[in-house]
Amino acid sequence: MTTPDTLPTHSLKVCRGATGCPHAVIGRDISEEIGAVMARSGWGAFLAAGVKLIRHHHQFRLAVASCPNGCSQPHIADFGLIAFGRVGVDPGACTACGLCVDVCAEKALTLGDSIGLDPSRCLGCGACVRVCPSGALRTAETGWRVLLGGKLGRHPRLAHELGVYGLPEAMGILERVLRVLMSQGRPGLRLGDLVERMGRENFDAAVRP
């Protein structure tokens, strides 16, 4: 009987958005930036020192999705990023064609005398911007929705959203998340379990910029 090899100390799942997916809000591979944070955090040495044979439940799992479709499953990762494009609206340019209303799966757009956007419903997918023929809708800025503490297993937990941040801020959050997790000194503790133990508000306050 052979002994299985130990796994890497973290895993990163990236969707195909960085290689030309038509749904991509941010078509850029940020694996290098994430890898740099993981390397300087000390996570690899921390886990390797406390676990003789690293299994899936020991790994810190990361996922990056280039749009809200979330093909890389960021909602069940310890640390997930979902690209977000904030929609800018120019009502004066709207021709009331209705294409954006038809394409919006979140029902965030309404068409009255002019186009209206409910930001609380918008997931920043950019579908409305892509179909708008008059330029009344545009991507004003892009960022990353940061999701924390997702996991499957015996007690599954969907990751909760911290907010929308630029890439440098998101990488800073990742560093603080790892620091808080390592401060517990127990390899194998899932981030979602730590969030529940600390309380979401307390945890978020510890990692938020």
Protein backbone atom coordinates (compact mmCIF):
# COMPACT_ATOMS: atom_id res chain seq x y z
CA MET A 1 0.00 0.00 0.00
CA THR A 2 1.44 3.36 -1.04
CA THR A 3 1.23 6.54 1.01
CA PRO A 4 -0.33 9.45 -0.91
CA ASP A 5 1.83 12.51 -1.46
CA THR A 6 1.22 15.61 0.59
CA LEU A 7 -0.73 18.41 -1.15
CA PRO A 8 0.37 22.03 -1.64
CA THR A 9 -0.38 24.30 1.31
CA HIS A 10 -2.88 26.32 -0.70
CA SER A 11 -4.92 25.97 -3.88
CA LEU A 12 -6.00 28.63 -6.36
CA LYS A 13 -8.89 28.16 -8.77
CA VAL A 14 -9.22 30.70 -11.58
CA CYS A 15 -11.99 30.89 -14.18
CA ARG A 16 -11.25 31.32 -17.88
CA GLY A 17 -12.20 35.01 -17.82
CA ALA A 18 -8.59 36.09 -18.08
CA THR A 19 -8.20 34.22 -21.36
CA GLY A 20 -11.07 35.66 -23.37
CA CYS A 21 -14.45 34.77 -21.82
CA PRO A 22 -17.13 37.14 -23.21
CA HIS A 23 -18.64 37.53 -19.74
CA ALA A 24 -15.40 38.76 -18.12
CA VAL A 25 -15.67 42.07 -16.30
CA ILE A 26 -11.92 42.11 -15.63
CA GLY A 27 -10.00 40.09 -18.20
CA ARG A 28 -6.75 39.86 -16.27
CA ASP A 29 -4.95 36.98 -14.57
CA ILE A 30 -4.07 38.01 -11.01
CA SER A 31 -2.55 34.66 -10.00
CA GLU A 32 0.91 36.22 -9.72
CA GLU A 33 -0.26 38.86 -7.24
CA ILE A 34 -2.06 36.25 -5.13
CA GLY A 35 0.94 33.94 -5.23
CA ALA A 36 3.19 36.74 -4.00
CA VAL A 37 0.92 37.39 -1.01
CA MET A 38 0.78 33.70 -0.14
CA ALA A 39 4.57 33.41 -0.36
CA ARG A 40 5.39 36.35 1.90
CA SER A 41 2.61 35.60 4.41
CA GLY A 42 4.43 32.59 5.82
CA TRP A 43 1.37 30.41 5.38
CA GLY A 44 3.27 27.61 3.67
CA ALA A 45 5.81 27.29 6.46
CA PHE A 46 3.11 27.60 9.13
CA LEU A 47 1.03 24.76 7.73
CA ALA A 48 3.95 22.54 6.82
CA ALA A 49 5.33 22.85 10.35
CA GLY A 50 2.08 21.76 11.96
CA VAL A 51 0.82 19.08 9.58
CA LYS A 52 2.84 16.03 8.57
CA LEU A 53 0.70 15.15 5.55
CA ILE A 54 -1.36 17.99 4.05
CA ARG A 55 -4.86 17.04 2.94
CA HIS A 56 -7.61 19.00 1.21
CA HIS A 57 -9.13 20.21 4.48
CA HIS A 58 -5.76 21.68 5.51
CA GLN A 59 -5.29 23.77 2.37
CA PHE A 60 -6.16 27.45 2.21
CA ARG A 61 -8.43 27.66 -0.82
CA LEU A 62 -8.66 30.69 -3.06
CA ALA A 63 -10.85 31.31 -6.09
CA VAL A 64 -11.01 34.13 -8.62
CA ALA A 65 -14.02 34.75 -10.85
CA SER A 66 -13.97 37.30 -13.65
CA CYS A 67 -17.73 37.82 -13.47
CA PRO A 68 -20.65 37.11 -11.09
CA ASN A 69 -21.34 33.75 -12.78
CA GLY A 70 -18.62 32.48 -10.42
CA CYS A 71 -17.46 29.48 -12.46
CA SER A 72 -14.45 29.07 -10.13
CA GLN A 73 -16.82 28.68 -7.14
CA PRO A 74 -15.62 31.62 -5.01
CA HIS A 75 -18.60 31.21 -2.66
CA ILE A 76 -17.16 27.99 -1.24
CA ALA A 77 -13.53 29.13 -1.03
CA ASP A 78 -11.77 30.45 2.06
CA PHE A 79 -10.96 33.60 0.08
CA GLY A 80 -12.87 34.46 -3.08
CA LEU A 81 -12.71 37.35 -5.51
CA ILE A 82 -15.43 38.25 -8.02
CA ALA A 83 -14.85 40.98 -10.59
CA PHE A 84 -17.26 43.89 -10.33
CA GLY A 85 -17.92 46.72 -12.76
CA ARG A 86 -19.73 49.75 -11.34
CA VAL A 87 -22.24 50.95 -13.92
CA GLY A 88 -22.38 54.63 -14.75
CA VAL A 89 -25.66 56.01 -16.10
CA ASP A 90 -26.24 58.93 -18.48
CA PRO A 91 -30.05 59.25 -18.64
CA GLY A 92 -29.82 61.97 -21.29
CA ALA A 93 -28.24 59.55 -23.75
CA CYS A 94 -30.88 56.85 -23.24
CA THR A 95 -33.03 56.02 -26.29
CA ALA A 96 -35.44 53.84 -24.24
CA CYS A 97 -34.74 50.80 -26.40
CA GLY A 98 -35.15 48.50 -23.39
CA LEU A 99 -32.30 46.15 -24.26
CA CYS A 100 -30.58 46.68 -20.91
CA VAL A 101 -33.76 45.95 -18.95
CA ASP A 102 -34.27 42.72 -20.89
CA VAL A 103 -30.71 41.48 -20.31
CA CYS A 104 -30.44 42.33 -16.59
CA ALA A 105 -30.92 39.11 -14.61
CA GLU A 106 -30.98 41.04 -11.31
CA LYS A 107 -33.86 43.37 -12.34
CA ALA A 108 -31.67 46.30 -11.31
CA LEU A 109 -32.72 48.51 -14.22
CA THR A 110 -36.03 50.24 -14.81
CA LEU A 111 -37.21 52.19 -17.79
CA GLY A 112 -39.52 55.14 -17.23
CA ASP A 113 -38.94 58.61 -18.59
CA SER A 114 -35.27 57.62 -18.54
CA ILE A 115 -33.16 54.68 -17.43
CA GLY A 116 -32.89 54.04 -13.69
CA LEU A 117 -30.43 51.82 -11.81
CA ASP A 118 -30.85 50.28 -8.36
CA PRO A 119 -27.24 49.84 -7.12
CA SER A 120 -28.35 47.54 -4.30
CA ARG A 121 -29.45 44.93 -6.86
CA CYS A 122 -26.60 45.35 -9.33
CA LEU A 123 -23.88 42.67 -9.35
CA GLY A 124 -21.68 44.61 -11.75
CA CYS A 125 -21.68 41.99 -14.49
CA GLY A 126 -21.62 44.56 -17.31
CA ALA A 127 -24.26 42.81 -19.43
CA CYS A 128 -26.29 46.00 -19.70
CA VAL A 129 -23.24 48.00 -20.79
CA ARG A 130 -22.47 45.50 -23.54
CA VAL A 131 -25.93 45.76 -25.11
CA CYS A 132 -26.48 49.51 -24.74
CA PRO A 133 -26.36 51.02 -28.27
CA SER A 134 -26.28 54.68 -27.22
CA GLY A 135 -23.62 54.82 -24.49
CA ALA A 136 -26.16 55.67 -21.81
CA LEU A 137 -24.61 52.89 -19.70
CA ARG A 138 -20.87 52.49 -19.19
CA THR A 139 -18.46 50.76 -16.82
CA ALA A 140 -17.41 53.64 -14.60
CA GLU A 141 -14.82 51.65 -12.62
CA THR A 142 -13.91 48.07 -11.82
CA GLY A 143 -12.95 46.30 -8.62
CA TRP A 144 -13.21 43.01 -6.76
CA ARG A 145 -15.93 41.74 -4.48
CA VAL A 146 -14.11 40.06 -1.58
CA LEU A 147 -15.75 36.91 -0.21
CA LEU A 148 -14.58 35.22 2.98
CA GLY A 149 -15.02 31.92 4.79
CA GLY A 150 -16.76 29.64 2.31
CA LYS A 151 -16.52 25.88 2.75
CA LEU A 152 -18.25 22.56 2.15
CA GLY A 153 -17.95 19.46 4.33
CA ARG A 154 -19.98 18.45 7.36
CA HIS A 155 -21.05 22.01 8.14
CA PRO A 156 -21.06 23.94 4.85
CA ARG A 157 -20.97 27.72 4.81
CA LEU A 158 -21.34 30.14 1.93
CA ALA A 159 -18.72 32.86 1.97
CA HIS A 160 -19.91 36.26 3.13
CA GLU A 161 -19.06 39.43 1.24
CA LEU A 162 -16.80 42.03 2.82
CA GLY A 163 -17.20 44.68 0.12
CA VAL A 164 -15.80 45.87 -3.22
CA TYR A 165 -12.13 46.87 -3.35
CA GLY A 166 -9.34 47.64 -5.77
CA LEU A 167 -6.72 44.93 -6.26
CA PRO A 168 -4.13 46.40 -3.83
CA GLU A 169 -6.75 46.66 -1.08
CA ALA A 170 -8.00 43.13 -1.79
CA MET A 171 -4.45 41.77 -1.51
CA GLY A 172 -4.06 43.61 1.79
CA ILE A 173 -7.22 41.94 3.05
CA LEU A 174 -5.82 38.55 2.05
CA GLU A 175 -2.67 39.24 4.07
CA ARG A 176 -4.69 40.19 7.15
CA VAL A 177 -6.98 37.17 6.76
CA LEU A 178 -3.97 34.85 6.77
CA ARG A 179 -2.44 36.67 9.73
CA VAL A 180 -5.61 36.29 11.78
CA LEU A 181 -5.96 32.64 10.80
CA MET A 182 -2.35 31.84 11.69
CA SER A 183 -2.68 33.67 15.00
CA GLN A 184 -4.95 30.84 16.14
CA GLY A 185 -1.96 28.49 15.91
CA ARG A 186 -4.01 25.50 14.82
CA PRO A 187 -3.30 24.14 11.34
CA GLY A 188 -6.43 22.68 9.79
CA LEU A 189 -8.83 25.27 11.21
CA ARG A 190 -11.09 26.38 8.38
CA LEU A 191 -11.57 30.10 7.94
CA GLY A 192 -15.36 29.76 7.95
CA ASP A 193 -15.22 28.10 11.36
CA LEU A 194 -13.03 30.92 12.68
CA VAL A 195 -15.48 33.53 11.34
CA GLU A 196 -18.33 31.80 13.16
CA ARG A 197 -16.28 31.56 16.35
CA MET A 198 -15.20 35.22 16.34
CA GLY A 199 -18.47 36.54 14.97
CA ARG A 200 -18.70 38.03 11.51
CA GLU A 201 -18.57 41.66 12.66
CA ASN A 202 -15.47 41.10 14.80
CA PHE A 203 -13.72 39.15 12.08
CA ASP A 204 -14.53 41.68 9.39
CA ALA A 205 -13.25 44.52 11.60
CA ALA A 206 -9.95 42.65 11.98
CA VAL A 207 -9.34 42.27 8.23
CA ARG A 208 -11.03 45.28 6.65
CA PRO A 209 -8.79 48.10 5.31
